[in-house]
Amino acid sequence: MNIEELREYCIRKKRVTESFPFDERVLVFKVMNKMFALTNITTCESVNLKCDPEKALELRATFEGILEGYHMSKKHWNTVLLESDIRTSHLLSLIDDSYNLVVSKLTTKEKEALSLL
């Protein structure tokens, strides 16, 4: 998966915005102003995704291409190497999981605003 495909997949989701809050290289995807994915656009070698802590450990033990979140909370984030043993369909599922996990933690008011679209 390349950066354009990754970006297109992420921004198609409800209420997703993209920005460069850290520097001009790190593209961050947010739902309702909460991060669910980020990648370095100059290399696009990996994507950081939010993950349930228990599932994060299981994924890291199962796949060589899934590591502790680089520069993120190791408990809640994974780094997924794009050129690895992770199939595109599985990567898309992990992106969905990250998005859904963030949405599940939104306040009731934020969830209502999200559902209005």
Protein backbone atom coordinates (compact mmCIF):
# COMPACT_ATOMS: atom_id res chain seq x y z
CA MET A 1 0.00 0.00 0.00
CA ASN A 2 1.36 3.42 -0.90
CA ILE A 3 0.74 6.78 0.75
CA GLU A 4 -2.05 7.76 -1.66
CA GLU A 5 -3.95 4.53 -1.03
CA LEU A 6 -3.49 4.85 2.72
CA ARG A 7 -4.65 8.46 2.68
CA GLU A 8 -7.68 7.75 0.49
CA TYR A 9 -8.78 4.89 2.73
CA CYS A 10 -8.48 6.93 5.91
CA ILE A 11 -10.17 10.11 4.71
CA ARG A 12 -13.20 8.22 3.36
CA LYS A 13 -14.24 7.49 6.92
CA LYS A 14 -16.83 9.66 8.70
CA ARG A 15 -15.55 12.95 10.16
CA VAL A 16 -11.89 12.26 9.44
CA THR A 17 -9.49 15.14 9.09
CA GLU A 18 -5.84 15.12 8.14
CA SER A 19 -3.11 17.46 9.31
CA PHE A 20 0.58 17.89 10.04
CA PRO A 21 0.54 18.86 13.74
CA PHE A 22 4.11 17.72 14.50
CA ASP A 23 6.10 18.68 11.40
CA GLU A 24 5.82 18.73 7.61
CA ARG A 25 6.52 14.98 7.30
CA VAL A 26 4.13 13.29 9.73
CA LEU A 27 0.60 13.06 8.36
CA VAL A 28 -1.98 12.50 11.10
CA PHE A 29 -5.53 11.25 10.61
CA LYS A 30 -8.10 12.13 13.27
CA VAL A 31 -11.74 11.39 13.89
CA MET A 32 -13.49 14.11 15.89
CA ASN A 33 -10.05 15.58 16.64
CA LYS A 34 -8.67 12.30 18.08
CA MET A 35 -5.75 10.52 16.37
CA PHE A 36 -6.26 7.06 14.95
CA ALA A 37 -3.45 6.82 12.36
CA LEU A 38 -0.22 8.57 11.41
CA THR A 39 2.56 8.04 8.92
CA ASN A 40 5.73 9.69 7.67
CA ILE A 41 4.93 10.83 4.13
CA THR A 42 8.58 11.03 3.07
CA THR A 43 9.22 7.34 3.68
CA CYS A 44 5.72 5.83 4.07
CA GLU A 45 7.37 2.68 5.41
CA SER A 46 4.88 2.24 8.23
CA VAL A 47 1.70 3.48 9.83
CA ASN A 48 1.01 3.89 13.55
CA LEU A 49 -2.43 2.65 14.58
CA LYS A 50 -4.28 2.72 17.88
CA CYS A 51 -5.03 -0.74 19.25
CA ASP A 52 -6.61 -2.46 22.24
CA PRO A 53 -3.68 -3.28 24.58
CA GLU A 54 -4.31 -7.05 24.70
CA LYS A 55 -4.83 -7.28 20.96
CA ALA A 56 -1.70 -5.17 20.40
CA LEU A 57 0.42 -7.75 22.25
CA GLU A 58 -1.20 -10.62 20.33
CA LEU A 59 -0.57 -8.94 16.97
CA ARG A 60 3.08 -8.22 17.81
CA ALA A 61 3.59 -11.86 18.78
CA THR A 62 1.95 -13.10 15.58
CA PHE A 63 3.35 -10.77 12.88
CA GLU A 64 6.93 -9.67 12.27
CA GLY A 65 5.58 -6.53 10.60
CA ILE A 66 3.77 -5.28 13.70
CA LEU A 67 5.91 -3.56 16.33
CA GLU A 68 5.43 -1.42 19.41
CA GLY A 69 4.24 2.04 18.45
CA TYR A 70 7.19 4.17 17.36
CA HIS A 71 7.25 7.40 19.42
CA MET A 72 3.83 6.48 20.83
CA SER A 73 2.42 4.77 23.90
CA LYS A 74 3.67 1.20 23.54
CA LYS A 75 0.57 -0.04 25.32
CA HIS A 76 -2.00 1.58 23.00
CA TRP A 77 -0.25 1.94 19.64
CA ASN A 78 1.30 -0.40 17.08
CA THR A 79 3.58 0.43 14.19
CA VAL A 80 2.65 -1.62 11.13
CA LEU A 81 5.39 -2.00 8.52
CA LEU A 82 3.83 -1.66 5.09
CA GLU A 83 6.38 -3.90 3.34
CA SER A 84 6.05 -6.92 5.61
CA ASP A 85 4.01 -10.03 6.30
CA ILE A 86 0.83 -7.93 6.63
CA ARG A 87 -1.56 -8.30 3.69
CA THR A 88 -3.34 -5.18 2.48
CA SER A 89 -6.73 -6.57 3.51
CA HIS A 90 -5.42 -7.12 7.05
CA LEU A 91 -3.91 -3.64 7.15
CA LEU A 92 -7.28 -2.15 6.14
CA SER A 93 -8.90 -4.13 8.94
CA LEU A 94 -6.35 -2.78 11.44
CA ILE A 95 -7.09 0.78 10.26
CA ASP A 96 -10.81 0.10 10.75
CA ASP A 97 -10.11 -1.26 14.24
CA SER A 98 -8.10 1.84 15.13
CA TYR A 99 -10.82 4.18 13.89
CA ASN A 100 -13.55 2.21 15.68
CA LEU A 101 -11.57 2.09 18.92
CA VAL A 102 -11.21 5.87 18.91
CA VAL A 103 -14.90 6.33 18.08
CA SER A 104 -15.87 4.01 20.95
CA LYS A 105 -14.03 6.31 23.38
CA LEU A 106 -15.77 9.50 22.21
CA THR A 107 -18.17 11.30 24.50
CA THR A 108 -21.90 10.87 23.97
CA LYS A 109 -22.07 14.36 22.48
CA GLU A 110 -19.22 13.60 20.05
CA LYS A 111 -20.84 10.30 19.02
CA GLU A 112 -24.11 12.13 18.34
CA ALA A 113 -22.29 14.67 16.16
CA LEU A 114 -20.56 11.84 14.30
CA SER A 115 -23.85 10.05 13.64
CA LEU A 116 -25.39 13.16 12.09
CA LEU A 117 -23.35 12.68 8.92
